[in-house]
Amino acid sequence: MSLRFNYRKANPAAYEAMLTFDSSMAKSGIDPLLYELIKIRASQINGCSFCIDYHTKDLMKLGESTQRVILLSVWREVPIYTDKEKAALELTEYVTRISEAGVPDSVYENVRKHFSEKEYIDLVMAVNVIGSWNRLAIATGMYPGCMG
């Protein structure tokens, strides 16, 4: 595995645009722990090793338990996530795989039990941000530790 090139240096304006997009979501009011769970789950689905590694470390720095990090890919089968987190994780999966089934009404309705309309859009945008980072990392060959 090798890094194809450093996209940050190749196109600083694109990198700055992504940082602005990311920063706007970080300021949106989404709980930081939930935001990291969303980033990791979308990255697992998209197969981005760099982002999984990066955001797992960030989540652990926020004090998340090792068990909740390890079991994130099987969140449906374990009782350690709240109903609110489960709703956000389910939405994350559907938005990440949007071409397969869209976002079913049942998923939307479950999310809305826990989140306002604004927060629903915040969650959708959070999935979009990490999806964009995943695509940049995968397309340029990034992997854990490649940036030094």
N, C-alpha and C. Protein backbone atom coordinates (compact mmCIF):
# COMPACT_ATOMS: atom_id res chain seq x y z
N MET A 1 0.84 -1.17 0.00
CA MET A 1 0.00 0.00 0.00
C MET A 1 0.89 1.24 0.00
N SER A 2 0.55 2.19 -0.85
CA SER A 2 1.32 3.42 -0.86
C SER A 2 0.41 4.61 -1.14
N LEU A 3 0.76 5.71 -0.55
CA LEU A 3 0.04 6.95 -0.74
C LEU A 3 0.30 7.42 -2.17
N ARG A 4 -0.75 7.70 -2.92
CA ARG A 4 -0.59 8.15 -4.31
C ARG A 4 0.00 9.55 -4.34
N PHE A 5 -0.55 10.45 -3.55
CA PHE A 5 -0.03 11.80 -3.41
C PHE A 5 -0.76 12.48 -2.26
N ASN A 6 -0.23 13.59 -1.81
CA ASN A 6 -0.82 14.35 -0.72
C ASN A 6 -1.80 15.35 -1.32
N TYR A 7 -3.09 15.06 -1.21
CA TYR A 7 -4.09 15.94 -1.81
C TYR A 7 -4.10 17.32 -1.17
N ARG A 8 -3.65 17.41 0.07
CA ARG A 8 -3.61 18.70 0.76
C ARG A 8 -2.66 19.66 0.06
N LYS A 9 -1.53 19.11 -0.36
CA LYS A 9 -0.53 19.93 -1.07
C LYS A 9 -0.91 20.11 -2.54
N ALA A 10 -1.51 19.10 -3.14
CA ALA A 10 -1.85 19.16 -4.56
C ALA A 10 -2.97 20.16 -4.84
N ASN A 11 -3.89 20.31 -3.88
CA ASN A 11 -5.01 21.22 -4.08
C ASN A 11 -5.42 21.83 -2.74
N PRO A 12 -4.64 22.82 -2.27
CA PRO A 12 -4.93 23.43 -0.97
C PRO A 12 -6.34 24.03 -0.87
N ALA A 13 -6.87 24.55 -1.96
CA ALA A 13 -8.21 25.15 -1.92
C ALA A 13 -9.27 24.09 -1.64
N ALA A 14 -9.14 22.92 -2.23
CA ALA A 14 -10.09 21.83 -1.98
C ALA A 14 -9.99 21.39 -0.52
N TYR A 15 -8.77 21.29 -0.01
CA TYR A 15 -8.56 20.91 1.38
C TYR A 15 -9.20 21.94 2.32
N GLU A 16 -9.01 23.22 2.03
CA GLU A 16 -9.59 24.27 2.86
C GLU A 16 -11.12 24.22 2.82
N ALA A 17 -11.68 23.93 1.65
CA ALA A 17 -13.14 23.80 1.53
C ALA A 17 -13.64 22.66 2.42
N MET A 18 -12.92 21.55 2.41
CA MET A 18 -13.32 20.42 3.26
C MET A 18 -13.20 20.78 4.74
N LEU A 19 -12.15 21.48 5.10
CA LEU A 19 -12.00 21.89 6.51
C LEU A 19 -13.14 22.81 6.93
N THR A 20 -13.57 23.70 6.05
CA THR A 20 -14.68 24.59 6.36
C THR A 20 -15.97 23.79 6.53
N PHE A 21 -16.21 22.84 5.63
CA PHE A 21 -17.39 21.97 5.70
C PHE A 21 -17.37 21.20 7.01
N ASP A 22 -16.23 20.60 7.33
CA ASP A 22 -16.07 19.82 8.55
C ASP A 22 -16.28 20.70 9.78
N SER A 23 -15.69 21.86 9.78
CA SER A 23 -15.80 22.78 10.92
C SER A 23 -17.25 23.21 11.16
N SER A 24 -17.99 23.42 10.07
CA SER A 24 -19.39 23.82 10.24
C SER A 24 -20.19 22.73 10.92
N MET A 25 -19.87 21.48 10.64
CA MET A 25 -20.59 20.38 11.29
C MET A 25 -20.16 20.22 12.74
N ALA A 26 -18.90 20.42 13.00
CA ALA A 26 -18.42 20.32 14.38
C ALA A 26 -19.07 21.37 15.27
N LYS A 27 -19.47 22.50 14.67
CA LYS A 27 -20.12 23.59 15.40
C LYS A 27 -21.65 23.50 15.38
N SER A 28 -22.18 22.47 14.76
CA SER A 28 -23.63 22.36 14.55
C SER A 28 -24.42 22.05 15.82
N GLY A 29 -23.74 21.54 16.82
CA GLY A 29 -24.43 21.15 18.04
C GLY A 29 -24.56 19.64 18.22
N ILE A 30 -24.12 18.88 17.21
CA ILE A 30 -24.13 17.42 17.36
C ILE A 30 -23.19 17.06 18.51
N ASP A 31 -23.65 16.17 19.37
CA ASP A 31 -22.82 15.70 20.47
C ASP A 31 -21.50 15.16 19.90
N PRO A 32 -20.35 15.61 20.41
CA PRO A 32 -19.06 15.18 19.86
C PRO A 32 -18.87 13.66 19.84
N LEU A 33 -19.32 12.96 20.88
CA LEU A 33 -19.21 11.49 20.88
C LEU A 33 -20.05 10.88 19.77
N LEU A 34 -21.26 11.37 19.60
CA LEU A 34 -22.13 10.86 18.54
C LEU A 34 -21.54 11.17 17.17
N TYR A 35 -20.99 12.35 17.02
CA TYR A 35 -20.38 12.73 15.74
C TYR A 35 -19.24 11.77 15.38
N GLU A 36 -18.44 11.41 16.35
CA GLU A 36 -17.34 10.46 16.08
C GLU A 36 -17.89 9.07 15.77
N LEU A 37 -18.94 8.65 16.46
CA LEU A 37 -19.56 7.35 16.14
C LEU A 37 -20.05 7.35 14.69
N ILE A 38 -20.67 8.43 14.26
CA ILE A 38 -21.14 8.56 12.88
C ILE A 38 -19.97 8.47 11.92
N LYS A 39 -18.89 9.19 12.22
CA LYS A 39 -17.72 9.17 11.33
C LYS A 39 -17.13 7.77 11.20
N ILE A 40 -17.04 7.07 12.31
CA ILE A 40 -16.46 5.73 12.27
C ILE A 40 -17.38 4.77 11.53
N ARG A 41 -18.67 4.82 11.82
CA ARG A 41 -19.59 3.87 11.17
C ARG A 41 -19.64 4.09 9.66
N ALA A 42 -19.72 5.33 9.22
CA ALA A 42 -19.70 5.60 7.78
C ALA A 42 -18.37 5.16 7.16
N SER A 43 -17.29 5.39 7.86
CA SER A 43 -15.97 4.99 7.36
C SER A 43 -15.84 3.47 7.27
N GLN A 44 -16.45 2.76 8.22
CA GLN A 44 -16.46 1.29 8.14
C GLN A 44 -17.18 0.84 6.88
N ILE A 45 -18.33 1.42 6.62
CA ILE A 45 -19.12 1.05 5.44
C ILE A 45 -18.36 1.39 4.16
N ASN A 46 -17.73 2.55 4.13
CA ASN A 46 -17.01 3.00 2.94
C ASN A 46 -15.64 2.35 2.79
N GLY A 47 -15.17 1.67 3.83
CA GLY A 47 -13.88 0.98 3.77
C GLY A 47 -12.68 1.90 3.84
N CYS A 48 -12.77 2.95 4.64
CA CYS A 48 -11.66 3.91 4.74
C CYS A 48 -10.84 3.64 6.00
N SER A 49 -9.76 2.92 5.84
CA SER A 49 -8.92 2.55 6.98
C SER A 49 -8.31 3.78 7.66
N PHE A 50 -7.91 4.77 6.87
CA PHE A 50 -7.33 5.98 7.44
C PHE A 50 -8.32 6.66 8.39
N CYS A 51 -9.56 6.84 7.92
CA CYS A 51 -10.57 7.53 8.73
C CYS A 51 -11.02 6.71 9.93
N ILE A 52 -11.11 5.40 9.78
CA ILE A 52 -11.47 4.55 10.93
C ILE A 52 -10.42 4.71 12.02
N ASP A 53 -9.16 4.62 11.64
CA ASP A 53 -8.05 4.76 12.59
C ASP A 53 -8.08 6.15 13.24
N TYR A 54 -8.18 7.17 12.43
CA TYR A 54 -8.14 8.55 12.91
C TYR A 54 -9.29 8.84 13.89
N HIS A 55 -10.50 8.48 13.50
CA HIS A 55 -11.65 8.83 14.33
C HIS A 55 -11.83 7.90 15.53
N THR A 56 -11.34 6.70 15.44
CA THR A 56 -11.32 5.82 16.62
C THR A 56 -10.43 6.43 17.70
N LYS A 57 -9.29 6.93 17.28
CA LYS A 57 -8.38 7.59 18.24
C LYS A 57 -9.04 8.82 18.84
N ASP A 58 -9.71 9.62 17.98
CA ASP A 58 -10.41 10.82 18.47
C ASP A 58 -11.50 10.45 19.48
N LEU A 59 -12.25 9.39 19.17
CA LEU A 59 -13.32 8.95 20.06
C LEU A 59 -12.76 8.49 21.41
N MET A 60 -11.67 7.78 21.38
CA MET A 60 -11.04 7.32 22.63
C MET A 60 -10.54 8.51 23.45
N LYS A 61 -10.04 9.55 22.78
CA LYS A 61 -9.59 10.75 23.49
C LYS A 61 -10.74 11.46 24.20
N LEU A 62 -11.95 11.29 23.65
CA LEU A 62 -13.14 11.89 24.26
C LEU A 62 -13.65 11.06 25.44
N GLY A 63 -13.00 9.93 25.71
CA GLY A 63 -13.35 9.11 26.86
C GLY A 63 -14.27 7.95 26.56
N GLU A 64 -14.49 7.65 25.29
CA GLU A 64 -15.37 6.53 24.94
C GLU A 64 -14.73 5.21 25.37
N SER A 65 -15.58 4.25 25.71
CA SER A 65 -15.07 2.94 26.15
C SER A 65 -14.57 2.13 24.96
N THR A 66 -13.61 1.30 25.22
CA THR A 66 -13.07 0.42 24.18
C THR A 66 -14.16 -0.50 23.65
N GLN A 67 -15.01 -0.98 24.53
CA GLN A 67 -16.08 -1.90 24.12
C GLN A 67 -17.00 -1.25 23.09
N ARG A 68 -17.39 0.00 23.33
CA ARG A 68 -18.31 0.66 22.39
C ARG A 68 -17.63 0.94 21.05
N VAL A 69 -16.34 1.16 21.05
CA VAL A 69 -15.62 1.36 19.80
C VAL A 69 -15.53 0.03 19.04
N ILE A 70 -15.16 -1.01 19.72
CA ILE A 70 -14.99 -2.32 19.09
C ILE A 70 -16.30 -2.84 18.52
N LEU A 71 -17.39 -2.63 19.24
CA LEU A 71 -18.68 -3.21 18.84
C LEU A 71 -19.52 -2.31 17.92
N LEU A 72 -18.96 -1.19 17.48
CA LEU A 72 -19.73 -0.26 16.67
C LEU A 72 -20.27 -0.89 15.38
N SER A 73 -19.51 -1.74 14.75
CA SER A 73 -19.98 -2.33 13.48
C SER A 73 -21.17 -3.28 13.68
N VAL A 74 -21.41 -3.69 14.92
CA VAL A 74 -22.54 -4.57 15.23
C VAL A 74 -23.47 -3.92 16.25
N TRP A 75 -23.66 -2.63 16.13
CA TRP A 75 -24.43 -1.86 17.10
C TRP A 75 -25.85 -2.39 17.31
N ARG A 76 -26.42 -3.01 16.31
CA ARG A 76 -27.79 -3.53 16.45
C ARG A 76 -27.86 -4.71 17.43
N GLU A 77 -26.78 -5.45 17.55
CA GLU A 77 -26.79 -6.69 18.33
C GLU A 77 -26.38 -6.53 19.79
N VAL A 78 -26.07 -5.32 20.21
CA VAL A 78 -25.60 -5.13 21.59
C VAL A 78 -26.40 -4.02 22.27
N PRO A 79 -26.59 -4.13 23.58
CA PRO A 79 -27.41 -3.15 24.30
C PRO A 79 -26.64 -1.94 24.84
N ILE A 80 -25.46 -1.65 24.31
CA ILE A 80 -24.62 -0.60 24.89
C ILE A 80 -24.76 0.77 24.22
N TYR A 81 -25.65 0.87 23.23
CA TYR A 81 -25.90 2.15 22.58
C TYR A 81 -27.32 2.60 22.93
N THR A 82 -27.50 3.89 23.11
CA THR A 82 -28.82 4.41 23.45
C THR A 82 -29.74 4.34 22.22
N ASP A 83 -31.03 4.47 22.46
CA ASP A 83 -31.98 4.51 21.34
C ASP A 83 -31.68 5.69 20.42
N LYS A 84 -31.28 6.80 20.99
CA LYS A 84 -30.93 7.98 20.20
C LYS A 84 -29.71 7.71 19.33
N GLU A 85 -28.68 7.08 19.90
CA GLU A 85 -27.49 6.73 19.12
C GLU A 85 -27.85 5.74 18.01
N LYS A 86 -28.68 4.76 18.36
CA LYS A 86 -29.08 3.75 17.36
C LYS A 86 -29.83 4.40 16.20
N ALA A 87 -30.68 5.36 16.50
CA ALA A 87 -31.41 6.06 15.44
C ALA A 87 -30.42 6.79 14.52
N ALA A 88 -29.45 7.46 15.11
CA ALA A 88 -28.45 8.19 14.31
C ALA A 88 -27.57 7.23 13.51
N LEU A 89 -27.21 6.10 14.10
CA LEU A 89 -26.38 5.12 13.39
C LEU A 89 -27.15 4.48 12.23
N GLU A 90 -28.43 4.22 12.44
CA GLU A 90 -29.23 3.66 11.35
C GLU A 90 -29.34 4.67 10.20
N LEU A 91 -29.58 5.93 10.54
CA LEU A 91 -29.62 6.97 9.51
C LEU A 91 -28.26 7.05 8.80
N THR A 92 -27.19 6.97 9.55
CA THR A 92 -25.85 6.99 8.95
C THR A 92 -25.70 5.90 7.91
N GLU A 93 -26.15 4.71 8.24
CA GLU A 93 -26.03 3.59 7.30
C GLU A 93 -26.86 3.82 6.04
N TYR A 94 -28.08 4.30 6.20
CA TYR A 94 -28.92 4.52 5.02
C TYR A 94 -28.41 5.67 4.16
N VAL A 95 -27.95 6.75 4.78
CA VAL A 95 -27.43 7.87 3.99
C VAL A 95 -26.12 7.47 3.30
N THR A 96 -25.29 6.70 3.98
CA THR A 96 -24.05 6.24 3.37
C THR A 96 -24.32 5.35 2.17
N ARG A 97 -25.35 4.53 2.27
CA ARG A 97 -25.72 3.61 1.17
C ARG A 97 -26.96 4.13 0.44
N ILE A 98 -27.06 5.41 0.24
CA ILE A 98 -28.28 6.06 -0.24
C ILE A 98 -28.82 5.46 -1.54
N SER A 99 -27.96 4.96 -2.41
CA SER A 99 -28.44 4.43 -3.69
C SER A 99 -29.17 3.10 -3.55
N GLU A 100 -28.99 2.42 -2.43
CA GLU A 100 -29.60 1.10 -2.25
C GLU A 100 -31.08 1.17 -1.87
N ALA A 101 -31.46 2.09 -1.01
CA ALA A 101 -32.85 2.13 -0.54
C ALA A 101 -33.33 3.52 -0.15
N GLY A 102 -32.52 4.53 -0.43
CA GLY A 102 -32.89 5.87 0.04
C GLY A 102 -32.88 5.89 1.56
N VAL A 103 -33.74 6.71 2.13
CA VAL A 103 -33.95 6.73 3.58
C VAL A 103 -35.43 6.41 3.79
N PRO A 104 -35.72 5.18 4.22
CA PRO A 104 -37.12 4.78 4.41
C PRO A 104 -37.84 5.65 5.44
N ASP A 105 -39.14 5.78 5.26
CA ASP A 105 -39.94 6.56 6.21
C ASP A 105 -39.77 6.07 7.64
N SER A 106 -39.66 4.77 7.83
CA SER A 106 -39.52 4.23 9.19
C SER A 106 -38.22 4.72 9.85
N VAL A 107 -37.16 4.84 9.06
CA VAL A 107 -35.88 5.35 9.59
C VAL A 107 -36.03 6.83 9.94
N TYR A 108 -36.61 7.58 9.01
CA TYR A 108 -36.84 9.01 9.26
C TYR A 108 -37.66 9.22 10.53
N GLU A 109 -38.75 8.49 10.65
CA GLU A 109 -39.64 8.64 11.80
C GLU A 109 -38.94 8.28 13.11
N ASN A 110 -38.11 7.26 13.08
CA ASN A 110 -37.36 6.88 14.28
C ASN A 110 -36.36 7.97 14.66
N VAL A 111 -35.68 8.52 13.69
CA VAL A 111 -34.72 9.60 13.97
C VAL A 111 -35.45 10.80 14.55
N ARG A 112 -36.60 11.12 13.99
CA ARG A 112 -37.35 12.29 14.45
C ARG A 112 -37.91 12.14 15.85
N LYS A 113 -37.96 10.93 16.38
CA LYS A 113 -38.35 10.74 17.79
C LYS A 113 -37.30 11.34 18.72
N HIS A 114 -36.07 11.44 18.23
CA HIS A 114 -34.94 11.85 19.06
C HIS A 114 -34.31 13.17 18.65
N PHE A 115 -34.57 13.60 17.41
CA PHE A 115 -33.89 14.77 16.86
C PHE A 115 -34.90 15.70 16.18
N SER A 116 -34.64 17.00 16.27
CA SER A 116 -35.48 17.99 15.59
C SER A 116 -35.20 17.96 14.08
N GLU A 117 -35.96 18.74 13.32
CA GLU A 117 -35.71 18.82 11.88
C GLU A 117 -34.30 19.34 11.61
N LYS A 118 -33.89 20.38 12.34
CA LYS A 118 -32.54 20.92 12.18
C LYS A 118 -31.49 19.86 12.49
N GLU A 119 -31.69 19.15 13.58
CA GLU A 119 -30.74 18.11 13.97
C GLU A 119 -30.72 16.96 12.95
N TYR A 120 -31.86 16.66 12.36
CA TYR A 120 -31.91 15.64 11.30
C TYR A 120 -31.01 16.06 10.15
N ILE A 121 -31.13 17.31 9.72
CA ILE A 121 -30.26 17.80 8.64
C ILE A 121 -28.80 17.81 9.08
N ASP A 122 -28.55 18.18 10.34
CA ASP A 122 -27.18 18.13 10.86
C ASP A 122 -26.61 16.71 10.73
N LEU A 123 -27.40 15.71 11.09
CA LEU A 123 -26.94 14.32 10.98
C LEU A 123 -26.66 13.94 9.53
N VAL A 124 -27.57 14.30 8.63
CA VAL A 124 -27.35 14.00 7.21
C VAL A 124 -26.08 14.68 6.71
N MET A 125 -25.89 15.93 7.09
CA MET A 125 -24.69 16.65 6.67
C MET A 125 -23.43 16.05 7.28
N ALA A 126 -23.52 15.58 8.51
CA ALA A 126 -22.36 14.93 9.15
C ALA A 126 -21.95 13.69 8.36
N VAL A 127 -22.93 12.92 7.90
CA VAL A 127 -22.62 11.74 7.08
C VAL A 127 -21.99 12.17 5.76
N ASN A 128 -22.48 13.27 5.20
CA ASN A 128 -21.90 13.77 3.95
C ASN A 128 -20.46 14.22 4.13
N VAL A 129 -20.17 14.88 5.24
CA VAL A 129 -18.80 15.33 5.50
C VAL A 129 -17.85 14.14 5.55
N ILE A 130 -18.17 13.16 6.37
CA ILE A 130 -17.24 12.03 6.49
C ILE A 130 -17.19 11.23 5.20
N GLY A 131 -18.30 11.15 4.49
CA GLY A 131 -18.28 10.47 3.20
C GLY A 131 -17.32 11.14 2.22
N SER A 132 -17.29 12.46 2.24
CA SER A 132 -16.36 13.21 1.39
C SER A 132 -14.92 12.96 1.80
N TRP A 133 -14.67 13.00 3.12
CA TRP A 133 -13.31 12.69 3.60
C TRP A 133 -12.92 11.27 3.21
N ASN A 134 -13.83 10.32 3.37
CA ASN A 134 -13.55 8.92 2.99
C ASN A 134 -13.14 8.84 1.53
N ARG A 135 -13.88 9.50 0.66
CA ARG A 135 -13.60 9.43 -0.76
C ARG A 135 -12.27 10.06 -1.11
N LEU A 136 -11.93 11.17 -0.46
CA LEU A 136 -10.61 11.78 -0.68
C LEU A 136 -9.49 10.83 -0.23
N ALA A 137 -9.66 10.26 0.96
CA ALA A 137 -8.62 9.38 1.50
C ALA A 137 -8.45 8.12 0.65
N ILE A 138 -9.55 7.49 0.29
CA ILE A 138 -9.48 6.25 -0.49
C ILE A 138 -8.93 6.52 -1.89
N ALA A 139 -9.40 7.59 -2.52
CA ALA A 139 -8.98 7.90 -3.89
C ALA A 139 -7.50 8.26 -3.99
N THR A 140 -6.92 8.76 -2.88
CA THR A 140 -5.50 9.13 -2.91
C THR A 140 -4.61 8.10 -2.22
N GLY A 141 -5.20 6.99 -1.80
CA GLY A 141 -4.42 5.89 -1.24
C GLY A 141 -3.98 6.06 0.20
N MET A 142 -4.71 6.86 0.95
CA MET A 142 -4.33 7.07 2.36
C MET A 142 -4.58 5.81 3.18
N TYR A 143 -3.77 5.62 4.20
CA TYR A 143 -3.87 4.50 5.13
C TYR A 143 -3.36 4.98 6.48
N PRO A 144 -3.67 4.25 7.55
CA PRO A 144 -3.24 4.69 8.88
C PRO A 144 -1.73 4.94 8.94
N GLY A 145 -1.37 6.12 9.42
CA GLY A 145 0.05 6.47 9.56
C GLY A 145 0.70 7.05 8.34
N CYS A 146 0.00 7.15 7.23
CA CYS A 146 0.64 7.60 5.99
C CYS A 146 1.04 9.07 5.99
N MET A 147 0.42 9.86 6.85
CA MET A 147 0.71 11.29 6.86
C MET A 147 1.73 11.67 7.93
N GLY A 148 2.31 10.67 8.56
CA GLY A 148 3.36 10.93 9.53
C GLY A 148 2.88 11.28 10.82
